[in-house]
């Protein structure tokens, strides 16, 4: 394939990618507020997530799994931001985990782990 044919194929791929954008994404691209990025095969897209420090502290202070889940839901984080948060908190997650599973894993590894430890060390168990 010559250079001209490769270039035409590349333009076709770019047009297909742009056609798949939502209207909001397209408007952001047109305004210059967003851009397309090249991700090589096998590469990961790095999504900047929220600062984990304050979230970690809040989760550590919650009284129950339910309160921790409500707090995370209240943050209004999208799936990619939850993935980033989980990684910052050293919570094992899978790339295919849906948003509710991410919330559950974060809760179980933070407030849930503390809740379990408290229950085990409680005099009620002795």
Protein backbone atom coordinates (compact mmCIF):
# COMPACT_ATOMS: atom_id res chain seq x y z
CA UNK A 1 0.00 0.00 0.00
CA UNK A 2 1.47 3.34 -0.98
CA UNK A 3 1.60 6.44 1.24
CA UNK A 4 -1.46 8.02 -0.39
CA UNK A 5 -3.61 4.91 0.21
CA UNK A 6 -2.45 4.68 3.84
CA UNK A 7 -3.29 8.35 4.35
CA UNK A 8 -6.78 7.90 2.89
CA UNK A 9 -7.32 4.87 5.17
CA UNK A 10 -6.15 6.92 8.16
CA UNK A 11 -8.57 9.74 7.32
CA UNK A 12 -11.38 7.19 7.01
CA UNK A 13 -10.54 5.85 10.50
CA UNK A 14 -10.46 9.36 11.97
CA UNK A 15 -13.82 10.17 10.36
CA UNK A 16 -15.31 6.96 11.79
CA UNK A 17 -13.99 7.84 15.25
CA UNK A 18 -15.40 11.36 15.08
CA UNK A 19 -18.75 9.99 13.87
CA UNK A 20 -18.94 7.82 17.03
CA UNK A 21 -18.64 10.82 19.35
CA UNK A 22 -21.70 11.96 21.25
CA UNK A 23 -23.01 15.43 20.36
CA UNK A 24 -21.53 16.77 23.62
CA UNK A 25 -18.13 15.23 22.87
CA UNK A 26 -18.20 16.63 19.34
CA UNK A 27 -19.06 20.11 20.64
CA UNK A 28 -16.14 19.91 23.07
CA UNK A 29 -13.83 18.88 20.23
CA UNK A 30 -15.09 21.66 17.98
CA UNK A 31 -14.61 24.22 20.77
CA UNK A 32 -11.06 23.03 21.36
CA UNK A 33 -11.83 21.86 24.90
CA UNK A 34 -11.15 18.19 24.12
CA UNK A 35 -8.90 16.28 21.76
CA UNK A 36 -8.42 12.85 20.30
CA UNK A 37 -5.49 10.85 21.61
CA UNK A 38 -3.43 8.06 20.10
CA UNK A 39 -3.28 4.93 22.24
CA UNK A 40 -0.91 2.28 20.90
CA UNK A 41 -2.06 -1.35 20.82
CA UNK A 42 -1.94 -2.79 24.32
CA UNK A 43 -1.67 0.68 25.84
CA UNK A 44 -3.83 2.00 28.64
CA UNK A 45 -5.72 5.25 28.65
CA UNK A 46 -4.86 7.11 31.84
CA UNK A 47 -7.83 8.95 33.27
CA UNK A 48 -7.17 11.58 35.87
CA UNK A 49 -9.34 10.77 38.83
CA UNK A 50 -10.23 12.59 42.00
CA UNK A 51 -7.70 13.20 44.77
CA UNK A 52 -7.86 10.00 46.82
CA UNK A 53 -6.62 11.58 50.08
CA UNK A 54 -9.84 13.24 51.26
CA UNK A 55 -11.95 10.38 49.94
CA UNK A 56 -9.78 7.83 51.78
CA UNK A 57 -10.18 9.83 55.01
CA UNK A 58 -13.95 10.08 54.61
CA UNK A 59 -14.30 6.36 53.87
CA UNK A 60 -12.17 5.54 56.91
CA UNK A 61 -14.49 7.62 59.08
CA UNK A 62 -17.75 6.12 57.82
CA UNK A 63 -19.75 3.93 60.15
CA UNK A 64 -20.96 1.32 57.69
CA UNK A 65 -20.70 -0.07 54.19
CA UNK A 66 -24.04 1.53 53.36
CA UNK A 67 -22.81 4.99 54.41
CA UNK A 68 -19.59 4.53 52.42
CA UNK A 69 -21.53 3.46 49.31
CA UNK A 70 -23.87 6.44 49.70
CA UNK A 71 -20.87 8.76 50.01
CA UNK A 72 -19.26 7.37 46.85
CA UNK A 73 -22.55 7.57 44.94
CA UNK A 74 -22.96 11.15 46.12
CA UNK A 75 -19.64 12.12 44.56
CA UNK A 76 -21.16 11.53 41.12
CA UNK A 77 -17.99 9.95 39.74
CA UNK A 78 -18.10 8.30 36.35
CA UNK A 79 -16.79 4.78 35.86
CA UNK A 80 -13.33 5.88 34.67
CA UNK A 81 -12.90 8.16 37.68
CA UNK A 82 -13.91 5.30 39.99
CA UNK A 83 -11.31 3.08 38.28
CA UNK A 84 -8.68 5.73 38.92
CA UNK A 85 -9.80 6.12 42.53
CA UNK A 86 -9.68 2.36 43.09
CA UNK A 87 -6.14 2.20 41.76
CA UNK A 88 -5.08 5.11 43.96
CA UNK A 89 -6.58 3.30 46.96
CA UNK A 90 -4.79 0.05 45.96
CA UNK A 91 -8.11 -1.72 45.47
CA UNK A 92 -7.95 -4.65 43.06
CA UNK A 93 -10.39 -4.06 40.20
CA UNK A 94 -10.87 -5.49 36.73
CA UNK A 95 -11.04 -3.34 33.63
CA UNK A 96 -14.42 -4.88 32.80
CA UNK A 97 -15.96 -4.20 36.24
CA UNK A 98 -19.18 -2.17 35.92
CA UNK A 99 -19.64 0.96 38.03
CA UNK A 100 -21.71 -0.72 40.82
CA UNK A 101 -19.02 -3.40 41.19
CA UNK A 102 -16.30 -0.73 41.44
CA UNK A 103 -18.22 1.02 44.21
CA UNK A 104 -18.70 -2.29 46.04
CA UNK A 105 -15.01 -3.21 45.78
CA UNK A 106 -13.90 0.21 47.02
CA UNK A 107 -16.36 0.05 49.91
CA UNK A 108 -15.37 -3.52 50.83
CA UNK A 109 -11.66 -2.67 50.78
CA UNK A 110 -12.01 0.49 52.87
CA UNK A 111 -14.99 0.93 55.19
CA UNK A 112 -15.98 -2.72 54.85
CA UNK A 113 -12.56 -4.00 55.91
CA UNK A 114 -12.63 -1.75 58.97
CA UNK A 115 -16.19 -2.80 59.78
CA UNK A 116 -15.21 -6.49 59.54
CA UNK A 117 -12.17 -6.00 61.77
CA UNK A 118 -14.25 -4.15 64.36
CA UNK A 119 -16.86 -6.90 64.37
CA UNK A 120 -14.26 -9.66 64.74
CA UNK A 121 -12.51 -7.92 67.63
CA UNK A 122 -15.78 -7.04 69.34
CA UNK A 123 -16.42 -8.66 72.75
CA UNK A 124 -19.70 -9.99 71.31
CA UNK A 125 -17.68 -12.60 69.40
CA UNK A 126 -15.86 -13.88 72.45
